[in-house]
Amino acid sequence: MSIHFSIFAIMKKKTLIAVISFLSTTIGAAEPWKFKAENREMNLTIEADLYEESIEVPGLEMFGPLNGYVSGRGIYGVWAITGVKKVNDNEAVVHFSNDLGSETQAVRLVWENDSTLLLEQKGGTTFKRVENKKLVKLPAKIIFNKR
């Protein structure tokens, strides 16, 4: 009887571990819009949680948590997410405002695969960076890699 009980206990434990592993994988995959990603070439970072306002934006802490931001060395200011429309699990339209609130930008975010995010600037003011003491527009399409 004790052998039967110990085999049952081992199988029960293995089943529980398998279920927990499956659920953690499923939950991670079910939240594609909570991420950190970077473009090393342009020194840009995007951090976002399009499900809820849970991210403290550097320099804009007085507004409380927001849906996220884009920032980086050389980029002109911090751009906070001010509006979100998820199209599906792979695509969203996000509105950004600069840290002064004077400029806005609409972008389309598309997950090309599990680790590659395309940011496509749609309208409004484009993101700019400082180069040789001048503001230069960033490309309309920027690839980010998930961290």
N, C-alpha and C. Protein backbone atom coordinates (compact mmCIF):
# COMPACT_ATOMS: atom_id res chain seq x y z
N MET A 1 0.81 -1.19 0.00
CA MET A 1 0.00 0.00 0.00
C MET A 1 0.86 1.26 0.00
N SER A 2 1.97 1.25 0.72
CA SER A 2 2.83 2.43 0.77
C SER A 2 3.53 2.67 -0.56
N ILE A 3 3.86 1.61 -1.31
CA ILE A 3 4.47 1.77 -2.62
C ILE A 3 3.47 2.42 -3.57
N HIS A 4 2.23 1.94 -3.54
CA HIS A 4 1.19 2.51 -4.39
C HIS A 4 0.97 3.98 -4.04
N PHE A 5 0.96 4.31 -2.76
CA PHE A 5 0.76 5.69 -2.33
C PHE A 5 1.91 6.59 -2.78
N SER A 6 3.15 6.12 -2.65
CA SER A 6 4.29 6.95 -3.03
C SER A 6 4.35 7.15 -4.55
N ILE A 7 3.98 6.14 -5.35
CA ILE A 7 3.93 6.30 -6.80
C ILE A 7 2.84 7.31 -7.17
N PHE A 8 1.69 7.21 -6.51
CA PHE A 8 0.60 8.15 -6.74
C PHE A 8 1.05 9.57 -6.37
N ALA A 9 1.75 9.73 -5.26
CA ALA A 9 2.22 11.05 -4.83
C ALA A 9 3.22 11.63 -5.83
N ILE A 10 4.12 10.81 -6.34
CA ILE A 10 5.11 11.27 -7.33
C ILE A 10 4.40 11.69 -8.62
N MET A 11 3.44 10.90 -9.08
CA MET A 11 2.72 11.24 -10.30
C MET A 11 1.91 12.51 -10.12
N LYS A 12 1.33 12.67 -8.95
CA LYS A 12 0.55 13.86 -8.65
C LYS A 12 1.45 15.10 -8.68
N LYS A 13 2.65 14.98 -8.11
CA LYS A 13 3.59 16.09 -8.08
C LYS A 13 4.05 16.45 -9.49
N LYS A 14 4.36 15.43 -10.32
CA LYS A 14 4.79 15.68 -11.69
C LYS A 14 3.68 16.34 -12.50
N THR A 15 2.46 15.90 -12.30
CA THR A 15 1.32 16.49 -13.01
C THR A 15 1.16 17.95 -12.61
N LEU A 16 1.28 18.25 -11.33
CA LEU A 16 1.17 19.62 -10.84
C LEU A 16 2.26 20.49 -11.44
N ILE A 17 3.48 20.01 -11.51
CA ILE A 17 4.59 20.76 -12.09
C ILE A 17 4.33 21.02 -13.57
N ALA A 18 3.83 20.02 -14.29
CA ALA A 18 3.53 20.18 -15.71
C ALA A 18 2.44 21.22 -15.93
N VAL A 19 1.41 21.21 -15.10
CA VAL A 19 0.32 22.17 -15.22
C VAL A 19 0.83 23.58 -14.94
N ILE A 20 1.64 23.75 -13.90
CA ILE A 20 2.19 25.06 -13.56
C ILE A 20 3.08 25.57 -14.69
N SER A 21 3.91 24.72 -15.26
CA SER A 21 4.77 25.12 -16.38
C SER A 21 3.94 25.56 -17.58
N PHE A 22 2.90 24.79 -17.89
CA PHE A 22 2.03 25.14 -19.00
C PHE A 22 1.35 26.49 -18.78
N LEU A 23 0.81 26.69 -17.58
CA LEU A 23 0.13 27.94 -17.28
C LEU A 23 1.07 29.13 -17.33
N SER A 24 2.28 29.00 -16.81
CA SER A 24 3.21 30.13 -16.83
C SER A 24 3.59 30.47 -18.27
N THR A 25 3.76 29.48 -19.13
CA THR A 25 4.06 29.73 -20.54
C THR A 25 2.87 30.39 -21.22
N THR A 26 1.69 29.90 -20.95
CA THR A 26 0.47 30.44 -21.55
C THR A 26 0.22 31.87 -21.09
N ILE A 27 0.40 32.14 -19.81
CA ILE A 27 0.17 33.49 -19.29
C ILE A 27 1.17 34.45 -19.91
N GLY A 28 2.45 34.07 -20.02
CA GLY A 28 3.46 34.93 -20.63
C GLY A 28 3.11 35.23 -22.08
N ALA A 29 2.65 34.24 -22.80
CA ALA A 29 2.31 34.42 -24.21
C ALA A 29 1.01 35.21 -24.36
N ALA A 30 0.17 35.20 -23.34
CA ALA A 30 -1.11 35.88 -23.43
C ALA A 30 -1.00 37.38 -23.19
N GLU A 31 0.19 37.87 -22.85
CA GLU A 31 0.37 39.30 -22.59
C GLU A 31 1.48 39.87 -23.48
N PRO A 32 1.26 39.88 -24.79
CA PRO A 32 2.31 40.40 -25.67
C PRO A 32 2.53 41.90 -25.52
N TRP A 33 1.58 42.60 -24.92
CA TRP A 33 1.67 44.05 -24.84
C TRP A 33 2.18 44.55 -23.50
N LYS A 34 2.89 43.71 -22.79
CA LYS A 34 3.60 44.13 -21.57
C LYS A 34 5.05 43.73 -21.79
N PHE A 35 5.92 44.72 -22.09
CA PHE A 35 7.27 44.37 -22.56
C PHE A 35 8.25 45.52 -22.39
N LYS A 36 9.52 45.17 -22.54
CA LYS A 36 10.62 46.12 -22.70
C LYS A 36 11.35 45.71 -23.96
N ALA A 37 11.70 46.68 -24.80
CA ALA A 37 12.41 46.38 -26.04
C ALA A 37 13.38 47.51 -26.33
N GLU A 38 14.37 47.20 -27.18
CA GLU A 38 15.37 48.22 -27.48
C GLU A 38 15.82 48.14 -28.92
N ASN A 39 16.31 49.28 -29.40
CA ASN A 39 17.00 49.36 -30.67
C ASN A 39 18.39 49.86 -30.32
N ARG A 40 19.35 48.97 -30.30
CA ARG A 40 20.72 49.32 -29.87
C ARG A 40 21.39 50.28 -30.83
N GLU A 41 21.13 50.13 -32.11
CA GLU A 41 21.76 51.00 -33.11
C GLU A 41 21.40 52.47 -32.86
N MET A 42 20.14 52.74 -32.52
CA MET A 42 19.70 54.12 -32.29
C MET A 42 19.66 54.49 -30.81
N ASN A 43 20.05 53.55 -29.95
CA ASN A 43 20.03 53.77 -28.50
C ASN A 43 18.63 54.16 -28.00
N LEU A 44 17.62 53.44 -28.47
CA LEU A 44 16.24 53.70 -28.08
C LEU A 44 15.71 52.55 -27.23
N THR A 45 14.85 52.90 -26.29
CA THR A 45 14.18 51.91 -25.45
C THR A 45 12.70 52.21 -25.44
N ILE A 46 11.91 51.16 -25.49
CA ILE A 46 10.46 51.31 -25.31
C ILE A 46 10.06 50.35 -24.20
N GLU A 47 9.32 50.86 -23.24
CA GLU A 47 8.76 50.04 -22.18
C GLU A 47 7.27 50.30 -22.17
N ALA A 48 6.48 49.23 -22.19
CA ALA A 48 5.03 49.41 -22.31
C ALA A 48 4.26 48.33 -21.56
N ASP A 49 3.12 48.73 -21.07
CA ASP A 49 2.10 47.83 -20.53
C ASP A 49 0.79 48.38 -21.07
N LEU A 50 0.33 47.84 -22.20
CA LEU A 50 -0.87 48.36 -22.84
C LEU A 50 -2.15 47.83 -22.20
N TYR A 51 -2.01 47.03 -21.15
CA TYR A 51 -3.17 46.50 -20.44
C TYR A 51 -3.61 47.43 -19.31
N GLU A 52 -2.64 48.05 -18.65
CA GLU A 52 -2.97 48.95 -17.54
C GLU A 52 -1.86 49.97 -17.36
N GLU A 53 -2.19 51.05 -16.70
CA GLU A 53 -1.19 52.10 -16.41
C GLU A 53 -0.38 51.64 -15.20
N SER A 54 0.80 51.08 -15.46
CA SER A 54 1.60 50.50 -14.38
C SER A 54 3.08 50.90 -14.43
N ILE A 55 3.45 51.78 -15.35
CA ILE A 55 4.87 52.10 -15.55
C ILE A 55 5.14 53.55 -15.16
N GLU A 56 6.16 53.73 -14.32
CA GLU A 56 6.61 55.07 -13.96
C GLU A 56 7.50 55.58 -15.10
N VAL A 57 7.14 56.70 -15.69
CA VAL A 57 7.90 57.26 -16.79
C VAL A 57 8.98 58.18 -16.23
N PRO A 58 10.25 57.94 -16.58
CA PRO A 58 11.34 58.76 -16.05
C PRO A 58 11.13 60.25 -16.36
N GLY A 59 11.18 61.06 -15.32
CA GLY A 59 10.99 62.50 -15.48
C GLY A 59 9.54 62.93 -15.44
N LEU A 60 8.61 61.98 -15.49
CA LEU A 60 7.18 62.31 -15.47
C LEU A 60 6.46 61.61 -14.32
N GLU A 61 7.20 61.33 -13.25
CA GLU A 61 6.64 60.61 -12.11
C GLU A 61 5.44 61.32 -11.49
N MET A 62 5.39 62.67 -11.63
CA MET A 62 4.29 63.45 -11.04
C MET A 62 2.93 63.08 -11.63
N PHE A 63 2.90 62.44 -12.79
CA PHE A 63 1.64 62.01 -13.40
C PHE A 63 1.21 60.64 -12.94
N GLY A 64 2.04 59.97 -12.15
CA GLY A 64 1.72 58.61 -11.71
C GLY A 64 2.01 57.62 -12.81
N PRO A 65 1.63 56.38 -12.58
CA PRO A 65 1.92 55.35 -13.59
C PRO A 65 1.15 55.61 -14.89
N LEU A 66 1.82 55.31 -16.01
CA LEU A 66 1.22 55.43 -17.34
C LEU A 66 1.39 54.10 -18.06
N ASN A 67 0.97 54.04 -19.32
CA ASN A 67 1.09 52.80 -20.11
C ASN A 67 2.50 52.55 -20.63
N GLY A 68 3.38 53.55 -20.55
CA GLY A 68 4.74 53.32 -20.99
C GLY A 68 5.35 54.53 -21.64
N TYR A 69 6.51 54.32 -22.31
CA TYR A 69 7.26 55.43 -22.89
C TYR A 69 8.31 54.93 -23.87
N VAL A 70 8.83 55.89 -24.66
CA VAL A 70 10.00 55.69 -25.51
C VAL A 70 11.02 56.73 -25.06
N SER A 71 12.26 56.30 -24.89
CA SER A 71 13.33 57.24 -24.54
C SER A 71 14.65 56.69 -25.07
N GLY A 72 15.69 57.46 -24.91
CA GLY A 72 17.01 57.00 -25.34
C GLY A 72 18.01 58.13 -25.38
N ARG A 73 19.27 57.75 -25.46
CA ARG A 73 20.33 58.75 -25.57
C ARG A 73 20.19 59.49 -26.89
N GLY A 74 20.16 60.79 -26.79
CA GLY A 74 20.09 61.59 -28.00
C GLY A 74 18.68 61.89 -28.46
N ILE A 75 17.70 61.09 -28.06
CA ILE A 75 16.32 61.37 -28.47
C ILE A 75 15.87 62.64 -27.75
N TYR A 76 15.11 63.43 -28.42
CA TYR A 76 14.66 64.70 -27.88
C TYR A 76 13.50 64.46 -26.93
N GLY A 77 13.79 64.40 -25.63
CA GLY A 77 12.77 64.23 -24.60
C GLY A 77 12.35 62.78 -24.40
N VAL A 78 11.40 62.61 -23.51
CA VAL A 78 10.78 61.31 -23.24
C VAL A 78 9.38 61.38 -23.81
N TRP A 79 8.98 60.35 -24.51
CA TRP A 79 7.66 60.30 -25.11
C TRP A 79 6.80 59.30 -24.34
N ALA A 80 5.77 59.78 -23.66
CA ALA A 80 4.89 58.93 -22.85
C ALA A 80 3.69 58.46 -23.67
N ILE A 81 3.26 57.24 -23.39
CA ILE A 81 2.06 56.71 -24.04
C ILE A 81 0.84 57.37 -23.41
N THR A 82 0.02 58.00 -24.26
CA THR A 82 -1.17 58.69 -23.78
C THR A 82 -2.47 58.08 -24.29
N GLY A 83 -2.38 57.13 -25.19
CA GLY A 83 -3.57 56.47 -25.71
C GLY A 83 -3.21 55.13 -26.32
N VAL A 84 -4.13 54.17 -26.18
CA VAL A 84 -3.87 52.81 -26.65
C VAL A 84 -5.11 52.25 -27.32
N LYS A 85 -4.91 51.61 -28.48
CA LYS A 85 -5.98 50.84 -29.11
C LYS A 85 -5.35 49.55 -29.63
N LYS A 86 -5.64 48.45 -28.95
CA LYS A 86 -5.12 47.15 -29.40
C LYS A 86 -6.00 46.66 -30.55
N VAL A 87 -5.38 46.42 -31.69
CA VAL A 87 -6.09 45.92 -32.86
C VAL A 87 -6.30 44.42 -32.72
N ASN A 88 -5.22 43.71 -32.33
CA ASN A 88 -5.27 42.27 -32.07
C ASN A 88 -4.04 41.91 -31.23
N ASP A 89 -3.74 40.63 -31.09
CA ASP A 89 -2.60 40.21 -30.27
C ASP A 89 -1.26 40.64 -30.85
N ASN A 90 -1.22 40.98 -32.14
CA ASN A 90 0.04 41.34 -32.79
C ASN A 90 0.15 42.80 -33.20
N GLU A 91 -0.94 43.56 -33.11
CA GLU A 91 -0.92 44.94 -33.60
C GLU A 91 -1.68 45.86 -32.65
N ALA A 92 -1.11 47.06 -32.46
CA ALA A 92 -1.75 48.09 -31.65
C ALA A 92 -1.42 49.45 -32.23
N VAL A 93 -2.32 50.40 -32.02
CA VAL A 93 -2.07 51.80 -32.36
C VAL A 93 -1.91 52.54 -31.04
N VAL A 94 -0.79 53.24 -30.91
CA VAL A 94 -0.45 53.89 -29.65
C VAL A 94 -0.19 55.37 -29.92
N HIS A 95 -0.68 56.22 -29.03
CA HIS A 95 -0.44 57.66 -29.13
C HIS A 95 0.57 58.06 -28.06
N PHE A 96 1.56 58.84 -28.47
CA PHE A 96 2.60 59.33 -27.57
C PHE A 96 2.50 60.85 -27.48
N SER A 97 2.90 61.39 -26.34
CA SER A 97 3.08 62.83 -26.16
C SER A 97 4.47 63.05 -25.61
N ASN A 98 5.10 64.15 -26.05
CA ASN A 98 6.43 64.41 -25.52
C ASN A 98 6.33 64.90 -24.07
N ASP A 99 7.47 64.99 -23.41
CA ASP A 99 7.48 65.33 -21.99
C ASP A 99 6.96 66.73 -21.70
N LEU A 100 6.87 67.60 -22.69
CA LEU A 100 6.30 68.93 -22.50
C LEU A 100 4.81 68.96 -22.81
N GLY A 101 4.32 67.91 -23.46
CA GLY A 101 2.91 67.86 -23.85
C GLY A 101 2.60 68.69 -25.07
N SER A 102 3.61 69.22 -25.73
CA SER A 102 3.39 70.11 -26.87
C SER A 102 3.34 69.38 -28.21
N GLU A 103 3.81 68.14 -28.26
CA GLU A 103 3.83 67.39 -29.51
C GLU A 103 3.24 66.01 -29.27
N THR A 104 2.54 65.49 -30.28
CA THR A 104 1.96 64.15 -30.19
C THR A 104 2.38 63.35 -31.41
N GLN A 105 2.30 62.05 -31.27
CA GLN A 105 2.70 61.15 -32.34
C GLN A 105 1.87 59.88 -32.25
N ALA A 106 1.30 59.46 -33.36
CA ALA A 106 0.60 58.18 -33.43
C ALA A 106 1.54 57.17 -34.07
N VAL A 107 1.61 55.99 -33.48
CA VAL A 107 2.46 54.93 -34.04
C VAL A 107 1.68 53.63 -34.10
N ARG A 108 2.09 52.82 -35.03
CA ARG A 108 1.54 51.47 -35.15
C ARG A 108 2.63 50.53 -34.65
N LEU A 109 2.29 49.68 -33.68
CA LEU A 109 3.20 48.68 -33.16
C LEU A 109 2.76 47.32 -33.67
N VAL A 110 3.70 46.56 -34.23
CA VAL A 110 3.38 45.24 -34.75
C VAL A 110 4.45 44.26 -34.28
N TRP A 111 4.00 43.18 -33.63
CA TRP A 111 4.93 42.10 -33.29
C TRP A 111 5.14 41.26 -34.53
N GLU A 112 6.35 41.30 -35.08
CA GLU A 112 6.67 40.50 -36.26
C GLU A 112 6.91 39.04 -35.89
N ASN A 113 7.41 38.82 -34.68
CA ASN A 113 7.56 37.49 -34.10
C ASN A 113 7.64 37.67 -32.58
N ASP A 114 8.02 36.65 -31.84
CA ASP A 114 8.02 36.74 -30.37
C ASP A 114 8.98 37.76 -29.81
N SER A 115 9.99 38.15 -30.58
CA SER A 115 11.00 39.04 -30.02
C SER A 115 11.27 40.30 -30.85
N THR A 116 10.61 40.46 -31.98
CA THR A 116 10.85 41.61 -32.85
C THR A 116 9.60 42.46 -32.99
N LEU A 117 9.74 43.74 -32.63
CA LEU A 117 8.63 44.69 -32.66
C LEU A 117 8.92 45.77 -33.69
N LEU A 118 7.97 46.03 -34.58
CA LEU A 118 8.07 47.12 -35.54
C LEU A 118 7.30 48.30 -35.00
N LEU A 119 7.95 49.46 -34.93
CA LEU A 119 7.29 50.71 -34.57
C LEU A 119 7.23 51.53 -35.85
N GLU A 120 6.02 51.85 -36.29
CA GLU A 120 5.82 52.62 -37.51
C GLU A 120 5.12 53.93 -37.17
N GLN A 121 5.84 55.04 -37.38
CA GLN A 121 5.26 56.35 -37.08
C GLN A 121 4.21 56.70 -38.12
N LYS A 122 3.02 57.11 -37.65
CA LYS A 122 1.90 57.32 -38.56
C LYS A 122 1.59 58.80 -38.81
N GLY A 123 1.53 59.58 -37.77
CA GLY A 123 1.12 60.95 -37.98
C GLY A 123 1.57 61.84 -36.83
N GLY A 124 1.38 63.12 -37.01
CA GLY A 124 1.81 64.05 -35.98
C GLY A 124 3.30 64.33 -36.11
N THR A 125 3.89 64.75 -35.05
CA THR A 125 5.32 65.05 -35.03
C THR A 125 6.10 63.75 -34.97
N THR A 126 7.18 63.65 -35.72
CA THR A 126 8.00 62.44 -35.68
C THR A 126 9.01 62.54 -34.53
N PHE A 127 9.44 61.38 -34.06
CA PHE A 127 10.49 61.35 -33.04
C PHE A 127 11.75 61.95 -33.65
N LYS A 128 12.49 62.69 -32.82
CA LYS A 128 13.72 63.32 -33.28
C LYS A 128 14.84 63.01 -32.30
N ARG A 129 16.06 63.14 -32.80
CA ARG A 129 17.24 62.98 -31.95
C ARG A 129 18.17 64.15 -32.23
N VAL A 130 19.05 64.39 -31.29
CA VAL A 130 20.02 65.46 -31.44
C VAL A 130 21.28 64.89 -32.09
N GLU A 131 21.65 65.47 -33.23
CA GLU A 131 22.88 65.10 -33.93
C GLU A 131 23.59 66.38 -34.35
N ASN A 132 24.83 66.54 -33.90
CA ASN A 132 25.61 67.73 -34.23
C ASN A 132 24.85 69.02 -33.93
N LYS A 133 24.21 69.04 -32.76
CA LYS A 133 23.48 70.21 -32.26
C LYS A 133 22.25 70.57 -33.11
N LYS A 134 21.76 69.59 -33.89
CA LYS A 134 20.55 69.79 -34.69
C LYS A 134 19.56 68.67 -34.40
N LEU A 135 18.27 68.96 -34.53
CA LEU A 135 17.25 67.93 -34.40
C LEU A 135 17.07 67.25 -35.75
N VAL A 136 17.18 65.92 -35.74
CA VAL A 136 17.05 65.12 -36.95
C VAL A 136 15.92 64.11 -36.73
N LYS A 137 15.03 64.00 -37.71
CA LYS A 137 13.92 63.05 -37.60
C LYS A 137 14.44 61.62 -37.63
N LEU A 138 13.83 60.77 -36.81
CA LEU A 138 14.14 59.34 -36.85
C LEU A 138 13.39 58.71 -38.02
N PRO A 139 13.85 57.56 -38.49
CA PRO A 139 13.13 56.88 -39.58
C PRO A 139 11.67 56.59 -39.20
N ALA A 140 10.82 56.52 -40.19
CA ALA A 140 9.39 56.25 -39.94
C ALA A 140 9.17 54.85 -39.39
N LYS A 141 10.07 53.90 -39.72
CA LYS A 141 9.95 52.53 -39.22
C LYS A 141 11.20 52.19 -38.44
N ILE A 142 10.99 51.70 -37.22
CA ILE A 142 12.10 51.34 -36.34
C ILE A 142 11.83 49.94 -35.78
N ILE A 143 12.84 49.09 -35.84
CA ILE A 143 12.74 47.72 -35.30
C ILE A 143 13.30 47.69 -33.88
N PHE A 144 12.54 47.12 -32.96
CA PHE A 144 12.98 46.93 -31.58
C PHE A 144 13.07 45.43 -31.30
N ASN A 145 14.02 45.07 -30.44
CA ASN A 145 14.16 43.68 -30.01
C ASN A 145 13.79 43.59 -28.55
N LYS A 146 12.93 42.62 -28.24
CA LYS A 146 12.46 42.43 -26.88
C LYS A 146 13.61 42.03 -25.98
N ARG A 147 13.63 42.61 -24.78
CA ARG A 147 14.66 42.26 -23.79
C ARG A 147 14.16 41.18 -22.90
